Protein backbone atom coordinates (compact mmCIF):
# COMPACT_ATOMS: atom_id res chain seq x y z
CA MET A 1 -0.08 -0.09 0.02
CA THR A 2 1.56 3.22 -0.66
CA PRO A 3 1.07 6.55 1.52
CA MET A 4 -1.32 8.01 -1.02
CA GLN A 5 -3.53 4.62 -1.19
CA ALA A 6 -3.37 4.77 2.78
CA SER A 7 -4.49 8.73 2.52
CA GLN A 8 -7.19 7.51 0.64
CA ASP A 9 -8.42 5.09 2.45
CA ALA A 10 -8.29 6.92 6.05
CA LEU A 11 -9.79 9.80 4.42
CA LYS A 12 -12.92 7.43 3.53
CA ILE A 13 -13.52 6.19 6.84
CA CYS A 14 -12.94 10.19 8.81
CA GLN A 15 -15.85 10.99 6.61
CA LEU A 16 -17.69 8.73 7.87
CA ALA A 17 -18.76 10.98 10.74
CA PRO A 18 -17.86 13.60 12.44
CA ILE A 19 -16.66 11.80 15.24
CA VAL A 20 -14.06 9.15 15.63
CA PRO A 21 -14.85 7.40 18.78
CA VAL A 22 -10.72 6.66 20.69
CA LEU A 23 -11.76 3.73 23.36
CA VAL A 24 -10.32 2.02 25.90
CA VAL A 25 -11.37 -1.13 26.36
CA ASP A 26 -10.94 -2.57 29.68
CA ASP A 27 -13.08 -6.06 29.31
CA ALA A 28 -13.37 -7.72 25.92
CA LYS A 29 -16.62 -8.90 27.19
CA ASP A 30 -17.84 -4.91 26.53
CA ALA A 31 -16.42 -4.64 23.44
CA GLY A 32 -19.46 -6.06 20.79
CA PRO A 33 -22.33 -4.21 23.18
CA LEU A 34 -20.24 -0.79 23.33
CA ALA A 35 -19.39 -1.09 19.06
CA LYS A 36 -23.13 -1.94 18.81
CA ALA A 37 -23.60 1.24 21.22
CA LEU A 38 -21.59 3.90 18.82
CA VAL A 39 -22.69 2.16 15.32
CA ALA A 40 -26.58 3.09 16.33
CA GLY A 41 -25.97 6.00 16.94
CA GLY A 42 -24.22 7.04 14.18
CA LEU A 43 -20.20 6.92 14.83
CA PRO A 44 -19.21 3.85 12.93
CA ALA A 45 -15.53 4.25 12.79
CA LEU A 46 -13.87 3.26 15.98
CA GLU A 47 -10.19 3.25 17.40
CA VAL A 48 -10.00 0.77 19.84
CA THR A 49 -6.13 1.96 21.70
CA LEU A 50 -4.01 -0.51 22.46
CA ARG A 51 -3.12 0.91 25.27
CA THR A 52 -5.08 -2.42 27.79
CA PRO A 53 -4.27 -6.36 27.74
CA ALA A 54 -7.88 -6.86 25.93
CA ALA A 55 -7.17 -4.39 23.00
CA LEU A 56 -6.54 -6.89 20.91
CA GLU A 57 -9.41 -8.99 21.94
CA ALA A 58 -11.61 -6.09 21.99
CA ILE A 59 -10.90 -5.13 18.01
CA ALA A 60 -11.62 -9.33 17.08
CA GLU A 61 -14.86 -8.85 19.15
CA MET A 62 -15.91 -5.43 17.21
CA ALA A 63 -14.87 -6.51 14.29
CA LYS A 64 -17.94 -9.26 14.18
CA VAL A 65 -20.16 -6.12 14.42
CA GLN A 66 -22.07 -4.79 11.61
CA GLY A 67 -21.81 -1.25 10.37
CA GLY A 68 -18.51 -1.09 12.05
CA VAL A 69 -15.45 0.31 10.56
CA VAL A 70 -13.21 -0.53 13.21
CA GLY A 71 -9.52 0.45 13.92
CA ALA A 72 -6.57 0.08 15.97
CA GLY A 73 -4.58 2.98 18.53
CA THR A 74 -1.46 4.21 20.25
CA LEU A 75 0.21 1.69 17.16
CA LEU A 76 3.83 2.09 18.32
CA THR A 77 5.87 -0.80 16.19
CA PRO A 78 6.30 -3.21 13.40
CA GLN A 79 4.65 -5.47 15.67
CA ASP A 80 1.86 -4.08 16.83
CA VAL A 81 0.55 -3.39 13.17
CA VAL A 82 1.49 -6.87 12.95
CA ASN A 83 -0.91 -7.72 15.64
CA ALA A 84 -3.63 -5.33 15.11
CA LYS A 85 -3.70 -6.26 11.54
CA GLU A 86 -4.35 -9.85 12.97
CA ALA A 87 -7.00 -9.19 15.10
CA GLY A 88 -9.16 -7.77 12.42
CA ALA A 89 -8.61 -3.83 12.80
CA THR A 90 -8.98 -2.46 8.56
CA PHE A 91 -7.18 0.66 10.07
CA GLY A 92 -4.48 2.05 12.27
CA VAL A 93 -3.71 5.69 14.28
CA SER A 94 -0.66 6.25 15.69
CA PRO A 95 0.34 9.35 18.41
CA GLY A 96 3.34 10.33 16.31
CA ALA A 97 5.01 8.66 12.98
CA THR A 98 8.49 7.09 12.22
CA ASP A 99 10.21 5.12 9.76
CA MET A 100 9.83 1.76 10.72
CA LEU A 101 6.59 2.05 11.79
CA LEU A 102 4.99 3.65 8.36
CA ASP A 103 7.16 1.06 6.86
CA ALA A 104 5.07 -1.61 8.83
CA CYS A 105 2.21 -0.22 7.79
CA GLU A 106 2.78 -0.03 3.93
CA ASP A 107 3.99 -3.47 4.07
CA ALA A 108 0.73 -4.80 5.74
CA ASP A 109 -1.68 -2.99 3.78
CA LEU A 110 -2.72 -0.89 6.81
CA PRO A 111 -4.23 2.53 6.45
CA LEU A 112 -2.54 4.70 8.50
CA LEU A 113 -3.77 8.22 10.18
CA PRO A 114 -0.36 9.35 11.25
CA GLY A 115 0.35 11.86 13.96
CA ALA A 116 1.52 14.87 13.94
CA ALA A 117 1.55 18.39 16.13
CA THR A 118 3.54 20.66 14.09
CA ALA A 119 4.37 21.73 10.86
CA SER A 120 7.39 19.96 10.41
CA GLU A 121 6.05 16.87 11.49
CA ALA A 122 3.06 17.41 8.52
CA MET A 123 5.32 18.98 6.13
CA ARG A 124 7.43 15.24 6.72
CA LEU A 125 4.84 13.49 5.90
CA LEU A 126 3.09 15.24 3.00
CA GLU A 127 6.57 14.78 1.67
CA ARG A 128 5.98 10.94 1.75
CA GLY A 129 2.87 10.64 0.59
CA TYR A 130 0.20 11.32 3.56
CA SER A 131 -2.26 13.68 3.05
CA VAL A 132 -4.76 12.81 5.97
CA LEU A 133 -3.17 13.30 9.51
CA LYS A 134 -4.00 13.05 13.30
CA PHE A 135 -3.37 16.40 14.96
CA PHE A 136 -2.13 14.58 18.31
CA PRO A 137 -2.15 15.52 20.86
CA ALA A 138 -4.95 18.75 19.87
CA GLU A 139 -5.80 20.85 22.55
CA ALA A 140 -1.64 20.88 24.05
CA SER A 141 -0.51 21.69 21.30
CA GLY A 142 -2.60 24.56 20.72
CA GLY A 143 -6.06 23.66 20.04
CA ALA A 144 -8.00 24.18 17.52
CA PRO A 145 -5.63 28.25 17.01
CA ALA A 146 -2.60 26.20 15.73
CA LEU A 147 -4.60 23.65 13.48
CA LYS A 148 -6.02 26.68 11.52
CA GLY A 149 -2.48 28.59 11.85
CA ILE A 150 -0.95 24.91 10.36
CA GLY A 151 -3.60 25.09 7.90
CA ALA A 152 -3.17 28.19 5.63
CA PRO A 153 0.31 27.36 4.64
CA ILE A 154 -0.52 23.83 4.26
CA PRO A 155 -3.83 23.64 2.58
CA GLN A 156 -3.56 20.36 1.14
CA ILE A 157 -3.40 18.25 4.30
CA SER A 158 -6.35 17.43 6.08
CA PHE A 159 -6.81 16.25 10.30
CA CYS A 160 -8.07 14.57 12.54
CA PRO A 161 -7.54 16.09 15.93
CA THR A 162 -7.95 14.10 18.97
CA GLY A 163 -6.48 15.16 22.99
CA GLY A 164 -8.53 16.92 24.68
CA VAL A 165 -11.66 17.51 22.10
CA SER A 166 -15.16 17.61 23.56
CA MET A 167 -18.55 18.33 23.26
CA LYS A 168 -17.60 21.83 24.83
CA ASN A 169 -15.22 22.43 21.88
CA ALA A 170 -15.70 20.20 18.94
CA ASN A 171 -17.00 22.68 17.10
CA ASP A 172 -13.89 25.16 17.05
CA TYR A 173 -12.08 22.40 15.23
CA LEU A 174 -15.28 20.80 12.74
CA SER A 175 -15.27 24.46 11.48
CA LEU A 176 -11.77 24.41 10.70
CA PRO A 177 -11.44 23.82 6.25
CA ASN A 178 -8.93 21.36 7.29
CA VAL A 179 -10.86 19.60 9.64
CA VAL A 180 -12.37 16.59 8.62
CA CYS A 181 -13.34 14.54 11.63
CA ALA A 182 -12.17 14.88 15.47
CA GLY A 183 -11.36 12.15 17.66
CA GLY A 184 -12.63 11.80 21.51
CA SER A 185 -13.37 9.60 24.16
CA TRP A 186 -16.21 11.48 25.55
CA VAL A 187 -18.51 9.64 23.48
CA ALA A 188 -17.81 6.02 25.74
CA PRO A 189 -17.03 7.18 29.45
CA LYS A 190 -15.11 4.57 31.58
CA ASN A 191 -18.97 4.98 34.08
CA LEU A 192 -21.07 4.38 31.39
CA VAL A 193 -19.04 1.38 30.12
CA THR A 194 -18.70 -0.10 34.01
CA ALA A 195 -22.46 -0.13 34.35
CA GLY A 196 -22.90 -1.06 30.97
CA ASP A 197 -25.31 1.74 30.09
CA TRP A 198 -25.28 1.06 26.32
CA GLY A 199 -28.40 3.09 26.24
CA GLY A 200 -26.67 5.86 27.61
CA ILE A 201 -23.21 5.55 25.11
CA GLU A 202 -25.84 5.44 21.72
CA ALA A 203 -27.50 8.82 23.35
CA LEU A 204 -23.72 10.80 23.04
CA ALA A 205 -23.04 8.67 19.80
CA ARG A 206 -26.37 10.40 18.89
CA GLU A 207 -25.61 13.72 19.72
CA ALA A 208 -21.81 13.59 18.48
CA ALA A 209 -23.39 12.20 15.30
CA ALA A 210 -25.08 15.41 14.92
CA LEU A 211 -22.36 17.75 15.15
CA PRO A 212 -22.27 20.07 11.85
CA ARG A 213 -18.89 19.70 9.45
């Protein structure tokens, strides 16, 4: 897979909904019901972060949910790429980008949303052929004003800002011409997941899916 193909595929996934849920799954038994609730609420693209022992099993369970498009977040190493692909992930997300990670994703035909926080990082990825990136950590890196500033001289790059994005500030990002979607964890709060309140999560997803862009 070429970087250009990866970005084309990533763009299609990002265009599915204004928000991509960023999910930390502690118990794989919650994965299926959680995915069903989010998809039913209008958020089909799901990023499961590789931050817990249950993450890969959660990806495998979510991959069975009709209408869902499941990806693996926090990809850091080539082995992460292999594990994510084997678990059923159809795209990847990384907090930053290294040549080893980019090579691994291209070799595995796994579309990647690589992370960038500065103009130089974005330019390096664009030079390689990536035109759809994750802006991370969004709020800590200057938020919507910073992303707007980066977009002015590099308009050919589209971003998915993630990190500190919430219902309160999502519109600040989504209104920018260089933002295609945003990543957020607020649609699946830990207390609702623990309580098995799938109706509550579906309601949060519907609210997020209705955000204008």
